PDB file of N, CA and C in Angstrom:
ATOM      1  N   MET A   1      94.036 102.547 122.811  1.00  0.00           N
ATOM      2  CA  MET A   1      94.458 101.432 121.849  1.00  0.00           C
ATOM      3  C   MET A   1      95.634 101.881 120.964  1.00  0.00           C
ATOM      4  N   LEU A   2      95.648 103.228 120.484  1.00  0.00           N
ATOM      5  CA  LEU A   2      96.737 103.693 119.729  1.00  0.00           C
ATOM      6  C   LEU A   2      97.923 104.009 120.608  1.00  0.00           C
ATOM      7  N   ASN A   3      99.145 103.872 120.070  1.00  0.00           N
ATOM      8  CA  ASN A   3     100.398 104.270 120.698  1.00  0.00           C
ATOM      9  C   ASN A   3     100.614 103.542 121.995  1.00  0.00           C
ATOM     10  N   ARG A   4     100.257 102.173 122.009  1.00  0.00           N
ATOM     11  CA  ARG A   4     100.412 101.281 123.137  1.00  0.00           C
ATOM     12  C   ARG A   4     101.770 100.565 123.278  1.00  0.00           C
ATOM     13  N   PHE A   5     102.716 100.958 122.430  1.00  0.00           N
ATOM     14  CA  PHE A   5     104.042 100.203 122.393  1.00  0.00           C
ATOM     15  C   PHE A   5     105.234 101.185 122.284  1.00  0.00           C
ATOM     16  N   ARG A   6     106.344 100.619 122.522  1.00  0.00           N
ATOM     17  CA  ARG A   6     107.569 101.493 122.365  1.00  0.00           C
ATOM     18  C   ARG A   6     108.090 101.187 120.931  1.00  0.00           C
ATOM     19  N   ALA A   7     108.194 102.332 120.225  1.00  0.00           N
ATOM     20  CA  ALA A   7     108.619 102.119 118.749  1.00  0.00           C
ATOM     21  C   ALA A   7     110.161 101.983 118.529  1.00  0.00           C
ATOM     22  N   ASP A   8     110.464 101.151 117.577  1.00  0.00           N
ATOM     23  CA  ASP A   8     111.825 100.970 117.022  1.00  0.00           C
ATOM     24  C   ASP A   8     112.108 102.105 116.012  1.00  0.00           C
ATOM     25  N   PRO A   9     113.024 102.949 116.230  1.00  0.00           N
ATOM     26  CA  PRO A   9     113.162 104.154 115.218  1.00  0.00           C
ATOM     27  C   PRO A   9     113.430 103.635 113.800  1.00  0.00           C
ATOM     28  N   SER A  10     114.061 102.488 113.585  1.00  0.00           N
ATOM     29  CA  SER A  10     114.230 102.008 112.218  1.00  0.00           C
ATOM     30  C   SER A  10     112.881 101.548 111.556  1.00  0.00           C
ATOM     31  N   GLN A  11     111.878 101.379 112.387  1.00  0.00           N
ATOM     32  CA  GLN A  11     110.630 100.937 111.877  1.00  0.00           C
ATOM     33  C   GLN A  11     109.477 101.853 112.252  1.00  0.00           C
ATOM     34  N   LEU A  12     109.873 103.050 112.715  1.00  0.00           N
ATOM     35  CA  LEU A  12     108.913 104.043 113.173  1.00  0.00           C
ATOM     36  C   LEU A  12     108.069 104.603 112.118  1.00  0.00           C
ATOM     37  N   ARG A  13     106.756 104.433 112.306  1.00  0.00           N
ATOM     38  CA  ARG A  13     105.750 105.000 111.290  1.00  0.00           C
ATOM     39  C   ARG A  13     104.914 105.922 112.101  1.00  0.00           C
ATOM     40  N   ILE A  14     104.912 107.222 111.716  1.00  0.00           N
ATOM     41  CA  ILE A  14     104.137 108.244 112.466  1.00  0.00           C
ATOM     42  C   ILE A  14     103.114 108.964 111.501  1.00  0.00           C
ATOM     43  N   VAL A  15     101.959 108.943 111.923  1.00  0.00           N
ATOM     44  CA  VAL A  15     100.827 109.621 111.197  1.00  0.00           C
ATOM     45  C   VAL A  15     100.359 110.742 112.106  1.00  0.00           C
ATOM     46  N   ILE A  16     100.384 111.978 111.653  1.00  0.00           N
ATOM     47  CA  ILE A  16      99.903 113.127 112.358  1.00  0.00           C
ATOM     48  C   ILE A  16      98.383 113.374 111.850  1.00  0.00           C
ATOM     49  N   LEU A  17      97.464 113.172 112.677  1.00  0.00           N
ATOM     50  CA  LEU A  17      96.041 113.330 112.364  1.00  0.00           C
ATOM     51  C   LEU A  17      95.487 114.585 113.145  1.00  0.00           C
ATOM     52  N   SER A  18      95.453 115.660 112.398  1.00  0.00           N
ATOM     53  CA  SER A  18      95.049 116.947 113.095  1.00  0.00           C
ATOM     54  C   SER A  18      94.390 117.888 112.101  1.00  0.00           C
ATOM     55  N   ALA A  19      93.660 118.871 112.740  1.00  0.00           N
ATOM     56  CA  ALA A  19      93.037 119.911 111.925  1.00  0.00           C
ATOM     57  C   ALA A  19      94.131 120.781 111.303  1.00  0.00           C
ATOM     58  N   PRO A  20      93.778 121.409 110.172  1.00  0.00           N
ATOM     59  CA  PRO A  20      94.666 122.446 109.596  1.00  0.00           C
ATOM     60  C   PRO A  20      95.084 123.516 110.528  1.00  0.00           C
ATOM     61  N   LYS A  21      96.287 124.126 110.353  1.00  0.00           N
ATOM     62  CA  LYS A  21      96.689 125.365 111.103  1.00  0.00           C
ATOM     63  C   LYS A  21      96.928 125.007 112.519  1.00  0.00           C
ATOM     64  N   THR A  22      97.391 123.785 112.919  1.00  0.00           N
ATOM     65  CA  THR A  22      97.607 123.489 114.313  1.00  0.00           C
ATOM     66  C   THR A  22      99.102 123.017 114.437  1.00  0.00           C
ATOM     67  N   GLY A  23      99.972 123.251 113.413  1.00  0.00           N
ATOM     68  CA  GLY A  23     101.398 122.917 113.547  1.00  0.00           C
ATOM     69  C   GLY A  23     101.778 121.595 112.982  1.00  0.00           C
ATOM     70  N   ASN A  24     100.887 121.052 112.113  1.00  0.00           N
ATOM     71  CA  ASN A  24     101.163 119.696 111.498  1.00  0.00           C
ATOM     72  C   ASN A  24     102.468 119.759 110.695  1.00  0.00           C
ATOM     73  N   THR A  25     102.624 120.693 109.929  1.00  0.00           N
ATOM     74  CA  THR A  25     103.882 120.709 109.056  1.00  0.00           C
ATOM     75  C   THR A  25     105.104 120.966 109.884  1.00  0.00           C
ATOM     76  N   TRP A  26     105.106 121.789 110.868  1.00  0.00           N
ATOM     77  CA  TRP A  26     106.334 121.958 111.710  1.00  0.00           C
ATOM     78  C   TRP A  26     106.575 120.616 112.438  1.00  0.00           C
ATOM     79  N   LEU A  27     105.598 120.002 112.970  1.00  0.00           N
ATOM     80  CA  LEU A  27     105.725 118.762 113.682  1.00  0.00           C
ATOM     81  C   LEU A  27     106.282 117.677 112.762  1.00  0.00           C
ATOM     82  N   ARG A  28     105.819 117.586 111.567  1.00  0.00           N
ATOM     83  CA  ARG A  28     106.241 116.635 110.634  1.00  0.00           C
ATOM     84  C   ARG A  28     107.784 116.807 110.297  1.00  0.00           C
ATOM     85  N   TRP A  29     108.192 118.119 110.125  1.00  0.00           N
ATOM     86  CA  TRP A  29     109.555 118.390 109.743  1.00  0.00           C
ATOM     87  C   TRP A  29     110.389 118.106 111.030  1.00  0.00           C
ATOM     88  N   LEU A  30     110.004 118.490 112.202  1.00  0.00           N
ATOM     89  CA  LEU A  30     110.808 118.132 113.343  1.00  0.00           C
ATOM     90  C   LEU A  30     110.996 116.611 113.529  1.00  0.00           C
ATOM     91  N   LEU A  31     109.913 115.867 113.304  1.00  0.00           N
ATOM     92  CA  LEU A  31     110.138 114.424 113.409  1.00  0.00           C
ATOM     93  C   LEU A  31     110.948 113.856 112.269  1.00  0.00           C
ATOM     94  N   HIS A  32     110.806 114.368 111.100  1.00  0.00           N
ATOM     95  CA  HIS A  32     111.621 114.022 109.915  1.00  0.00           C
ATOM     96  C   HIS A  32     113.122 114.147 110.291  1.00  0.00           C
ATOM     97  N   TYR A  33     113.533 115.359 110.815  1.00  0.00           N
ATOM     98  CA  TYR A  33     114.959 115.598 111.110  1.00  0.00           C
ATOM     99  C   TYR A  33     115.401 114.839 112.389  1.00  0.00           C
ATOM    100  N   THR A  34     114.542 114.718 113.415  1.00  0.00           N
ATOM    101  CA  THR A  34     114.881 113.955 114.668  1.00  0.00           C
ATOM    102  C   THR A  34     115.194 112.532 114.428  1.00  0.00           C
ATOM    103  N   TYR A  35     114.283 111.846 113.665  1.00  0.00           N
ATOM    104  CA  TYR A  35     114.385 110.458 113.500  1.00  0.00           C
ATOM    105  C   TYR A  35     114.864 110.003 112.168  1.00  0.00           C
ATOM    106  N   HIS A  36     115.104 110.983 111.307  1.00  0.00           N
ATOM    107  CA  HIS A  36     115.584 110.583 109.927  1.00  0.00           C
ATOM    108  C   HIS A  36     114.502 109.863 109.202  1.00  0.00           C
ATOM    109  N   LEU A  37     113.301 110.297 109.337  1.00  0.00           N
ATOM    110  CA  LEU A  37     112.235 109.546 108.638  1.00  0.00           C
ATOM    111  C   LEU A  37     111.883 110.241 107.253  1.00  0.00           C
ATOM    112  N   GLU A  38     111.529 109.406 106.393  1.00  0.00           N
ATOM    113  CA  GLU A  38     111.079 109.872 105.065  1.00  0.00           C
ATOM    114  C   GLU A  38     109.723 110.535 105.155  1.00  0.00           C
ATOM    115  N   ILE A  39     109.483 111.578 104.513  1.00  0.00           N
ATOM    116  CA  ILE A  39     108.224 112.272 104.618  1.00  0.00           C
ATOM    117  C   ILE A  39     107.320 111.677 103.307  1.00  0.00           C
ATOM    118  N   VAL A  40     106.187 111.125 103.700  1.00  0.00           N
ATOM    119  CA  VAL A  40     105.315 110.533 102.588  1.00  0.00           C
ATOM    120  C   VAL A  40     103.919 111.211 102.707  1.00  0.00           C
ATOM    121  N   GLY A  41     103.206 111.103 101.621  1.00  0.00           N
ATOM    122  CA  GLY A  41     101.873 111.524 101.544  1.00  0.00           C
ATOM    123  C   GLY A  41     100.782 110.421 101.687  1.00  0.00           C
ATOM    124  N   LEU A  42      99.758 110.691 102.285  1.00  0.00           N
ATOM    125  CA  LEU A  42      98.676 109.615 102.320  1.00  0.00           C
ATOM    126  C   LEU A  42      97.576 110.005 101.319  1.00  0.00           C
ATOM    127  N   PRO A  43      97.004 109.010 100.668  1.00  0.00           N
ATOM    128  CA  PRO A  43      95.916 109.346  99.745  1.00  0.00           C
ATOM    129  C   PRO A  43      94.820 110.091 100.363  1.00  0.00           C
ATOM    130  N   LEU A  44      94.059 110.920  99.710  1.00  0.00           N
ATOM    131  CA  LEU A  44      92.925 111.622 100.247  1.00  0.00           C
ATOM    132  C   LEU A  44      91.852 110.608 100.709  1.00  0.00           C
ATOM    133  N   ALA A  45      91.671 109.555  99.855  1.00  0.00           N
ATOM    134  CA  ALA A  45      90.713 108.451 100.268  1.00  0.00           C
ATOM    135  C   ALA A  45      91.489 107.298 100.569  1.00  0.00           C
ATOM    136  N   TRP A  46      91.625 106.831 101.817  1.00  0.00           N
ATOM    137  CA  TRP A  46      92.375 105.690 102.251  1.00  0.00           C
ATOM    138  C   TRP A  46      92.082 104.410 101.537  1.00  0.00           C
ATOM    139  N   ASP A  47      93.010 103.749 101.131  1.00  0.00           N
ATOM    140  CA  ASP A  47      92.963 102.425 100.435  1.00  0.00           C
ATOM    141  C   ASP A  47      94.105 101.594 100.934  1.00  0.00           C
ATOM    142  N   ASP A  48      93.780 100.399 101.481  1.00  0.00           N
ATOM    143  CA  ASP A  48      94.811  99.527 101.995  1.00  0.00           C
ATOM    144  C   ASP A  48      95.903  99.241 101.032  1.00  0.00           C
ATOM    145  N   ALA A  49      95.577  99.285  99.815  1.00  0.00           N
ATOM    146  CA  ALA A  49      96.556  99.016  98.639  1.00  0.00           C
ATOM    147  C   ALA A  49      97.568 100.082  98.731  1.00  0.00           C
ATOM    148  N   ALA A  50      97.301 101.304  99.123  1.00  0.00           N
ATOM    149  CA  ALA A  50      98.249 102.360  99.169  1.00  0.00           C
ATOM    150  C   ALA A  50      99.319 102.151 100.187  1.00  0.00           C
ATOM    151  N   ALA A  51      98.945 101.371 101.172  1.00  0.00           N
ATOM    152  CA  ALA A  51      99.931 101.070 102.312  1.00  0.00           C
ATOM    153  C   ALA A  51     100.989 100.159 101.886  1.00  0.00           C
ATOM    154  N   ARG A  52     100.821  99.440 100.794  1.00  0.00           N
ATOM    155  CA  ARG A  52     101.871  98.548 100.347  1.00  0.00           C
ATOM    156  C   ARG A  52     103.095  99.363  99.798  1.00  0.00           C
ATOM    157  N   ASP A  53     102.867 100.577  99.329  1.00  0.00           N
ATOM    158  CA  ASP A  53     103.969 101.320  98.754  1.00  0.00           C
ATOM    159  C   ASP A  53     104.614 102.244  99.868  1.00  0.00           C
ATOM    160  N   LEU A  54     104.154 102.217 101.080  1.00  0.00           N
ATOM    161  CA  LEU A  54     104.746 103.026 102.060  1.00  0.00           C
ATOM    162  C   LEU A  54     106.114 102.412 102.504  1.00  0.00           C
ATOM    163  N   PRO A  55     107.149 103.224 102.833  1.00  0.00           N
ATOM    164  CA  PRO A  55     108.341 102.712 103.309  1.00  0.00           C
ATOM    165  C   PRO A  55     108.292 102.079 104.638  1.00  0.00           C
ATOM    166  N   ARG A  56     109.317 101.464 105.056  1.00  0.00           N
ATOM    167  CA  ARG A  56     109.418 100.722 106.394  1.00  0.00           C
ATOM    168  C   ARG A  56     109.250 101.704 107.520  1.00  0.00           C
ATOM    169  N   SER A  57     109.728 102.960 107.495  1.00  0.00           N
ATOM    170  CA  SER A  57     109.586 104.009 108.393  1.00  0.00           C
ATOM    171  C   SER A  57     109.280 105.335 107.740  1.00  0.00           C
ATOM    172  N   PHE A  58     108.405 106.133 108.283  1.00  0.00           N
ATOM    173  CA  PHE A  58     107.957 107.410 107.645  1.00  0.00           C
ATOM    174  C   PHE A  58     107.322 108.236 108.669  1.00  0.00           C
ATOM    175  N   VAL A  59     107.065 109.487 108.237  1.00  0.00           N
ATOM    176  CA  VAL A  59     106.152 110.467 108.926  1.00  0.00           C
ATOM    177  C   VAL A  59     105.346 111.134 107.927  1.00  0.00           C
ATOM    178  N   THR A  60     104.110 111.410 108.175  1.00  0.00           N
ATOM    179  CA  THR A  60     103.143 112.088 107.358  1.00  0.00           C
ATOM    180  C   THR A  60     102.065 112.741 108.157  1.00  0.00           C
ATOM    181  N   HIS A  61     101.251 113.551 107.566  1.00  0.00           N
ATOM    182  CA  HIS A  61     100.132 114.049 108.198  1.00  0.00           C
ATOM    183  C   HIS A  61      98.928 114.122 107.303  1.00  0.00           C
ATOM    184  N   GLN A  62      97.768 114.153 107.930  1.00  0.00           N
ATOM    185  CA  GLN A  62      96.493 114.043 107.249  1.00  0.00           C
ATOM    186  C   GLN A  62      95.465 115.011 107.834  1.00  0.00           C
ATOM    187  N   HIS A  63      94.826 115.855 107.089  1.00  0.00           N
ATOM    188  CA  HIS A  63      93.841 116.793 107.667  1.00  0.00           C
ATOM    189  C   HIS A  63      92.437 116.239 107.638  1.00  0.00           C
ATOM    190  N   LEU A  64      92.141 115.272 106.859  1.00  0.00           N
ATOM    191  CA  LEU A  64      90.798 114.711 106.728  1.00  0.00           C
ATOM    192  C   LEU A  64      90.488 113.871 107.954  1.00  0.00           C
ATOM    193  N   PRO A  65      89.252 113.830 108.420  1.00  0.00           N
ATOM    194  CA  PRO A  65      88.836 112.911 109.465  1.00  0.00           C
ATOM    195  C   PRO A  65      89.227 111.426 109.131  1.00  0.00           C
ATOM    196  N   PRO A  66      89.911 110.712 110.032  1.00  0.00           N
ATOM    197  CA  PRO A  66      90.270 109.374 109.671  1.00  0.00           C
ATOM    198  C   PRO A  66      89.028 108.450 109.470  1.00  0.00           C
ATOM    199  N   THR A  67      89.214 107.626 108.490  1.00  0.00           N
ATOM    200  CA  THR A  67      88.140 106.706 108.183  1.00  0.00           C
ATOM    201  C   THR A  67      88.334 105.386 109.019  1.00  0.00           C
ATOM    202  N   GLU A  68      87.274 104.597 109.033  1.00  0.00           N
ATOM    203  CA  GLU A  68      87.374 103.406 109.788  1.00  0.00           C
ATOM    204  C   GLU A  68      88.466 102.438 109.303  1.00  0.00           C
ATOM    205  N   ASP A  69      88.560 102.428 107.909  1.00  0.00           N
ATOM    206  CA  ASP A  69      89.681 101.577 107.235  1.00  0.00           C
ATOM    207  C   ASP A  69      91.021 102.084 107.651  1.00  0.00           C
ATOM    208  N   LEU A  70      91.215 103.366 107.686  1.00  0.00           N
ATOM    209  CA  LEU A  70      92.500 103.952 108.070  1.00  0.00           C
ATOM    210  C   LEU A  70      92.790 103.612 109.625  1.00  0.00           C
ATOM    211  N   VAL A  71      91.885 103.873 110.378  1.00  0.00           N
ATOM    212  CA  VAL A  71      92.155 103.533 111.774  1.00  0.00           C
ATOM    213  C   VAL A  71      92.473 102.066 112.026  1.00  0.00           C
ATOM    214  N   ARG A  72      91.804 101.206 111.341  1.00  0.00           N
ATOM    215  CA  ARG A  72      92.024  99.753 111.571  1.00  0.00           C
ATOM    216  C   ARG A  72      93.528  99.405 111.082  1.00  0.00           C
ATOM    217  N   TRP A  73      93.938 100.000 109.840  1.00  0.00           N
ATOM    218  CA  TRP A  73      95.284  99.791 109.395  1.00  0.00           C
ATOM    219  C   TRP A  73      96.282 100.470 110.428  1.00  0.00           C
ATOM    220  N   LEU A  74      96.080 101.573 110.992  1.00  0.00           N
ATOM    221  CA  LEU A  74      96.934 102.119 111.945  1.00  0.00           C
ATOM    222  C   LEU A  74      97.128 101.279 113.072  1.00  0.00           C
ATOM    223  N   VAL A  75      96.130 100.770 113.622  1.00  0.00           N
ATOM    224  CA  VAL A  75      96.247  99.833 114.835  1.00  0.00           C
ATOM    225  C   VAL A  75      96.943  98.516 114.480  1.00  0.00           C
ATOM    226  N   ALA A  76      96.516  97.922 113.388  1.00  0.00           N
ATOM    227  CA  ALA A  76      97.103  96.674 112.907  1.00  0.00           C
ATOM    228  C   ALA A  76      98.599  96.810 112.654  1.00  0.00           C
ATOM    229  N   ASN A  77      99.139  97.906 112.230  1.00  0.00           N
ATOM    230  CA  ASN A  77     100.448  98.102 111.822  1.00  0.00           C
ATOM    231  C   ASN A  77     101.264  98.879 112.951  1.00  0.00           C
ATOM    232  N   ASP A  78     100.697  99.031 114.150  1.00  0.00           N
ATOM    233  CA  ASP A  78     101.463  99.787 115.153  1.00  0.00           C
ATOM    234  C   ASP A  78     102.030 101.092 114.734  1.00  0.00           C
ATOM    235  N   VAL A  79     101.203 101.860 114.025  1.00  0.00           N
ATOM    236  CA  VAL A  79     101.642 103.302 113.644  1.00  0.00           C
ATOM    237  C   VAL A  79     101.395 104.153 114.826  1.00  0.00           C
ATOM    238  N   VAL A  80     102.354 105.032 115.051  1.00  0.00           N
ATOM    239  CA  VAL A  80     102.242 106.047 116.028  1.00  0.00           C
ATOM    240  C   VAL A  80     101.417 107.197 115.549  1.00  0.00           C
ATOM    241  N   VAL A  81     100.376 107.499 116.267  1.00  0.00           N
ATOM    242  CA  VAL A  81      99.448 108.587 115.852  1.00  0.00           C
ATOM    243  C   VAL A  81      99.563 109.713 116.811  1.00  0.00           C
ATOM    244  N   LEU A  82      99.782 110.910 116.147  1.00  0.00           N
ATOM    245  CA  LEU A  82      99.918 112.078 116.997  1.00  0.00           C
ATOM    246  C   LEU A  82      98.864 113.080 116.575  1.00  0.00           C
ATOM    247  N   SER A  83      98.324 113.878 117.387  1.00  0.00           N
ATOM    248  CA  SER A  83      97.336 115.007 117.099  1.00  0.00           C
ATOM    249  C   SER A  83      97.748 116.268 117.855  1.00  0.00           C
ATOM    250  N   THR A  84      97.747 117.270 117.151  1.00  0.00           N
ATOM    251  CA  THR A  84      98.109 118.619 117.701  1.00  0.00           C
ATOM    252  C   THR A  84      96.862 119.287 118.181  1.00  0.00           C
ATOM    253  N   ILE A  85      96.862 120.165 119.167  1.00  0.00           N
ATOM    254  CA  ILE A  85      95.688 120.858 119.636  1.00  0.00           C
ATOM    255  C   ILE A  85      95.932 122.267 119.772  1.00  0.00           C
TER     256      ILE A  85
END
């Protein structure tokens, strides 16, 4: 269900959901420079209200397990989700 579309770089939203020490920061910076995306932070406890302050395109990463509310928001907003292993 996630990543089922081709993203427009001007509206590209990328969330890296991975465990610590798996290259999240490196990947975030590579995507930032490759697509000229703003790096943003996600709140530790997801709140849909926080999404209103996010820019049109961005890259971020989160170490905590995704909550049901966060996953629903990701799907509803066509956010590209990446995970490193």
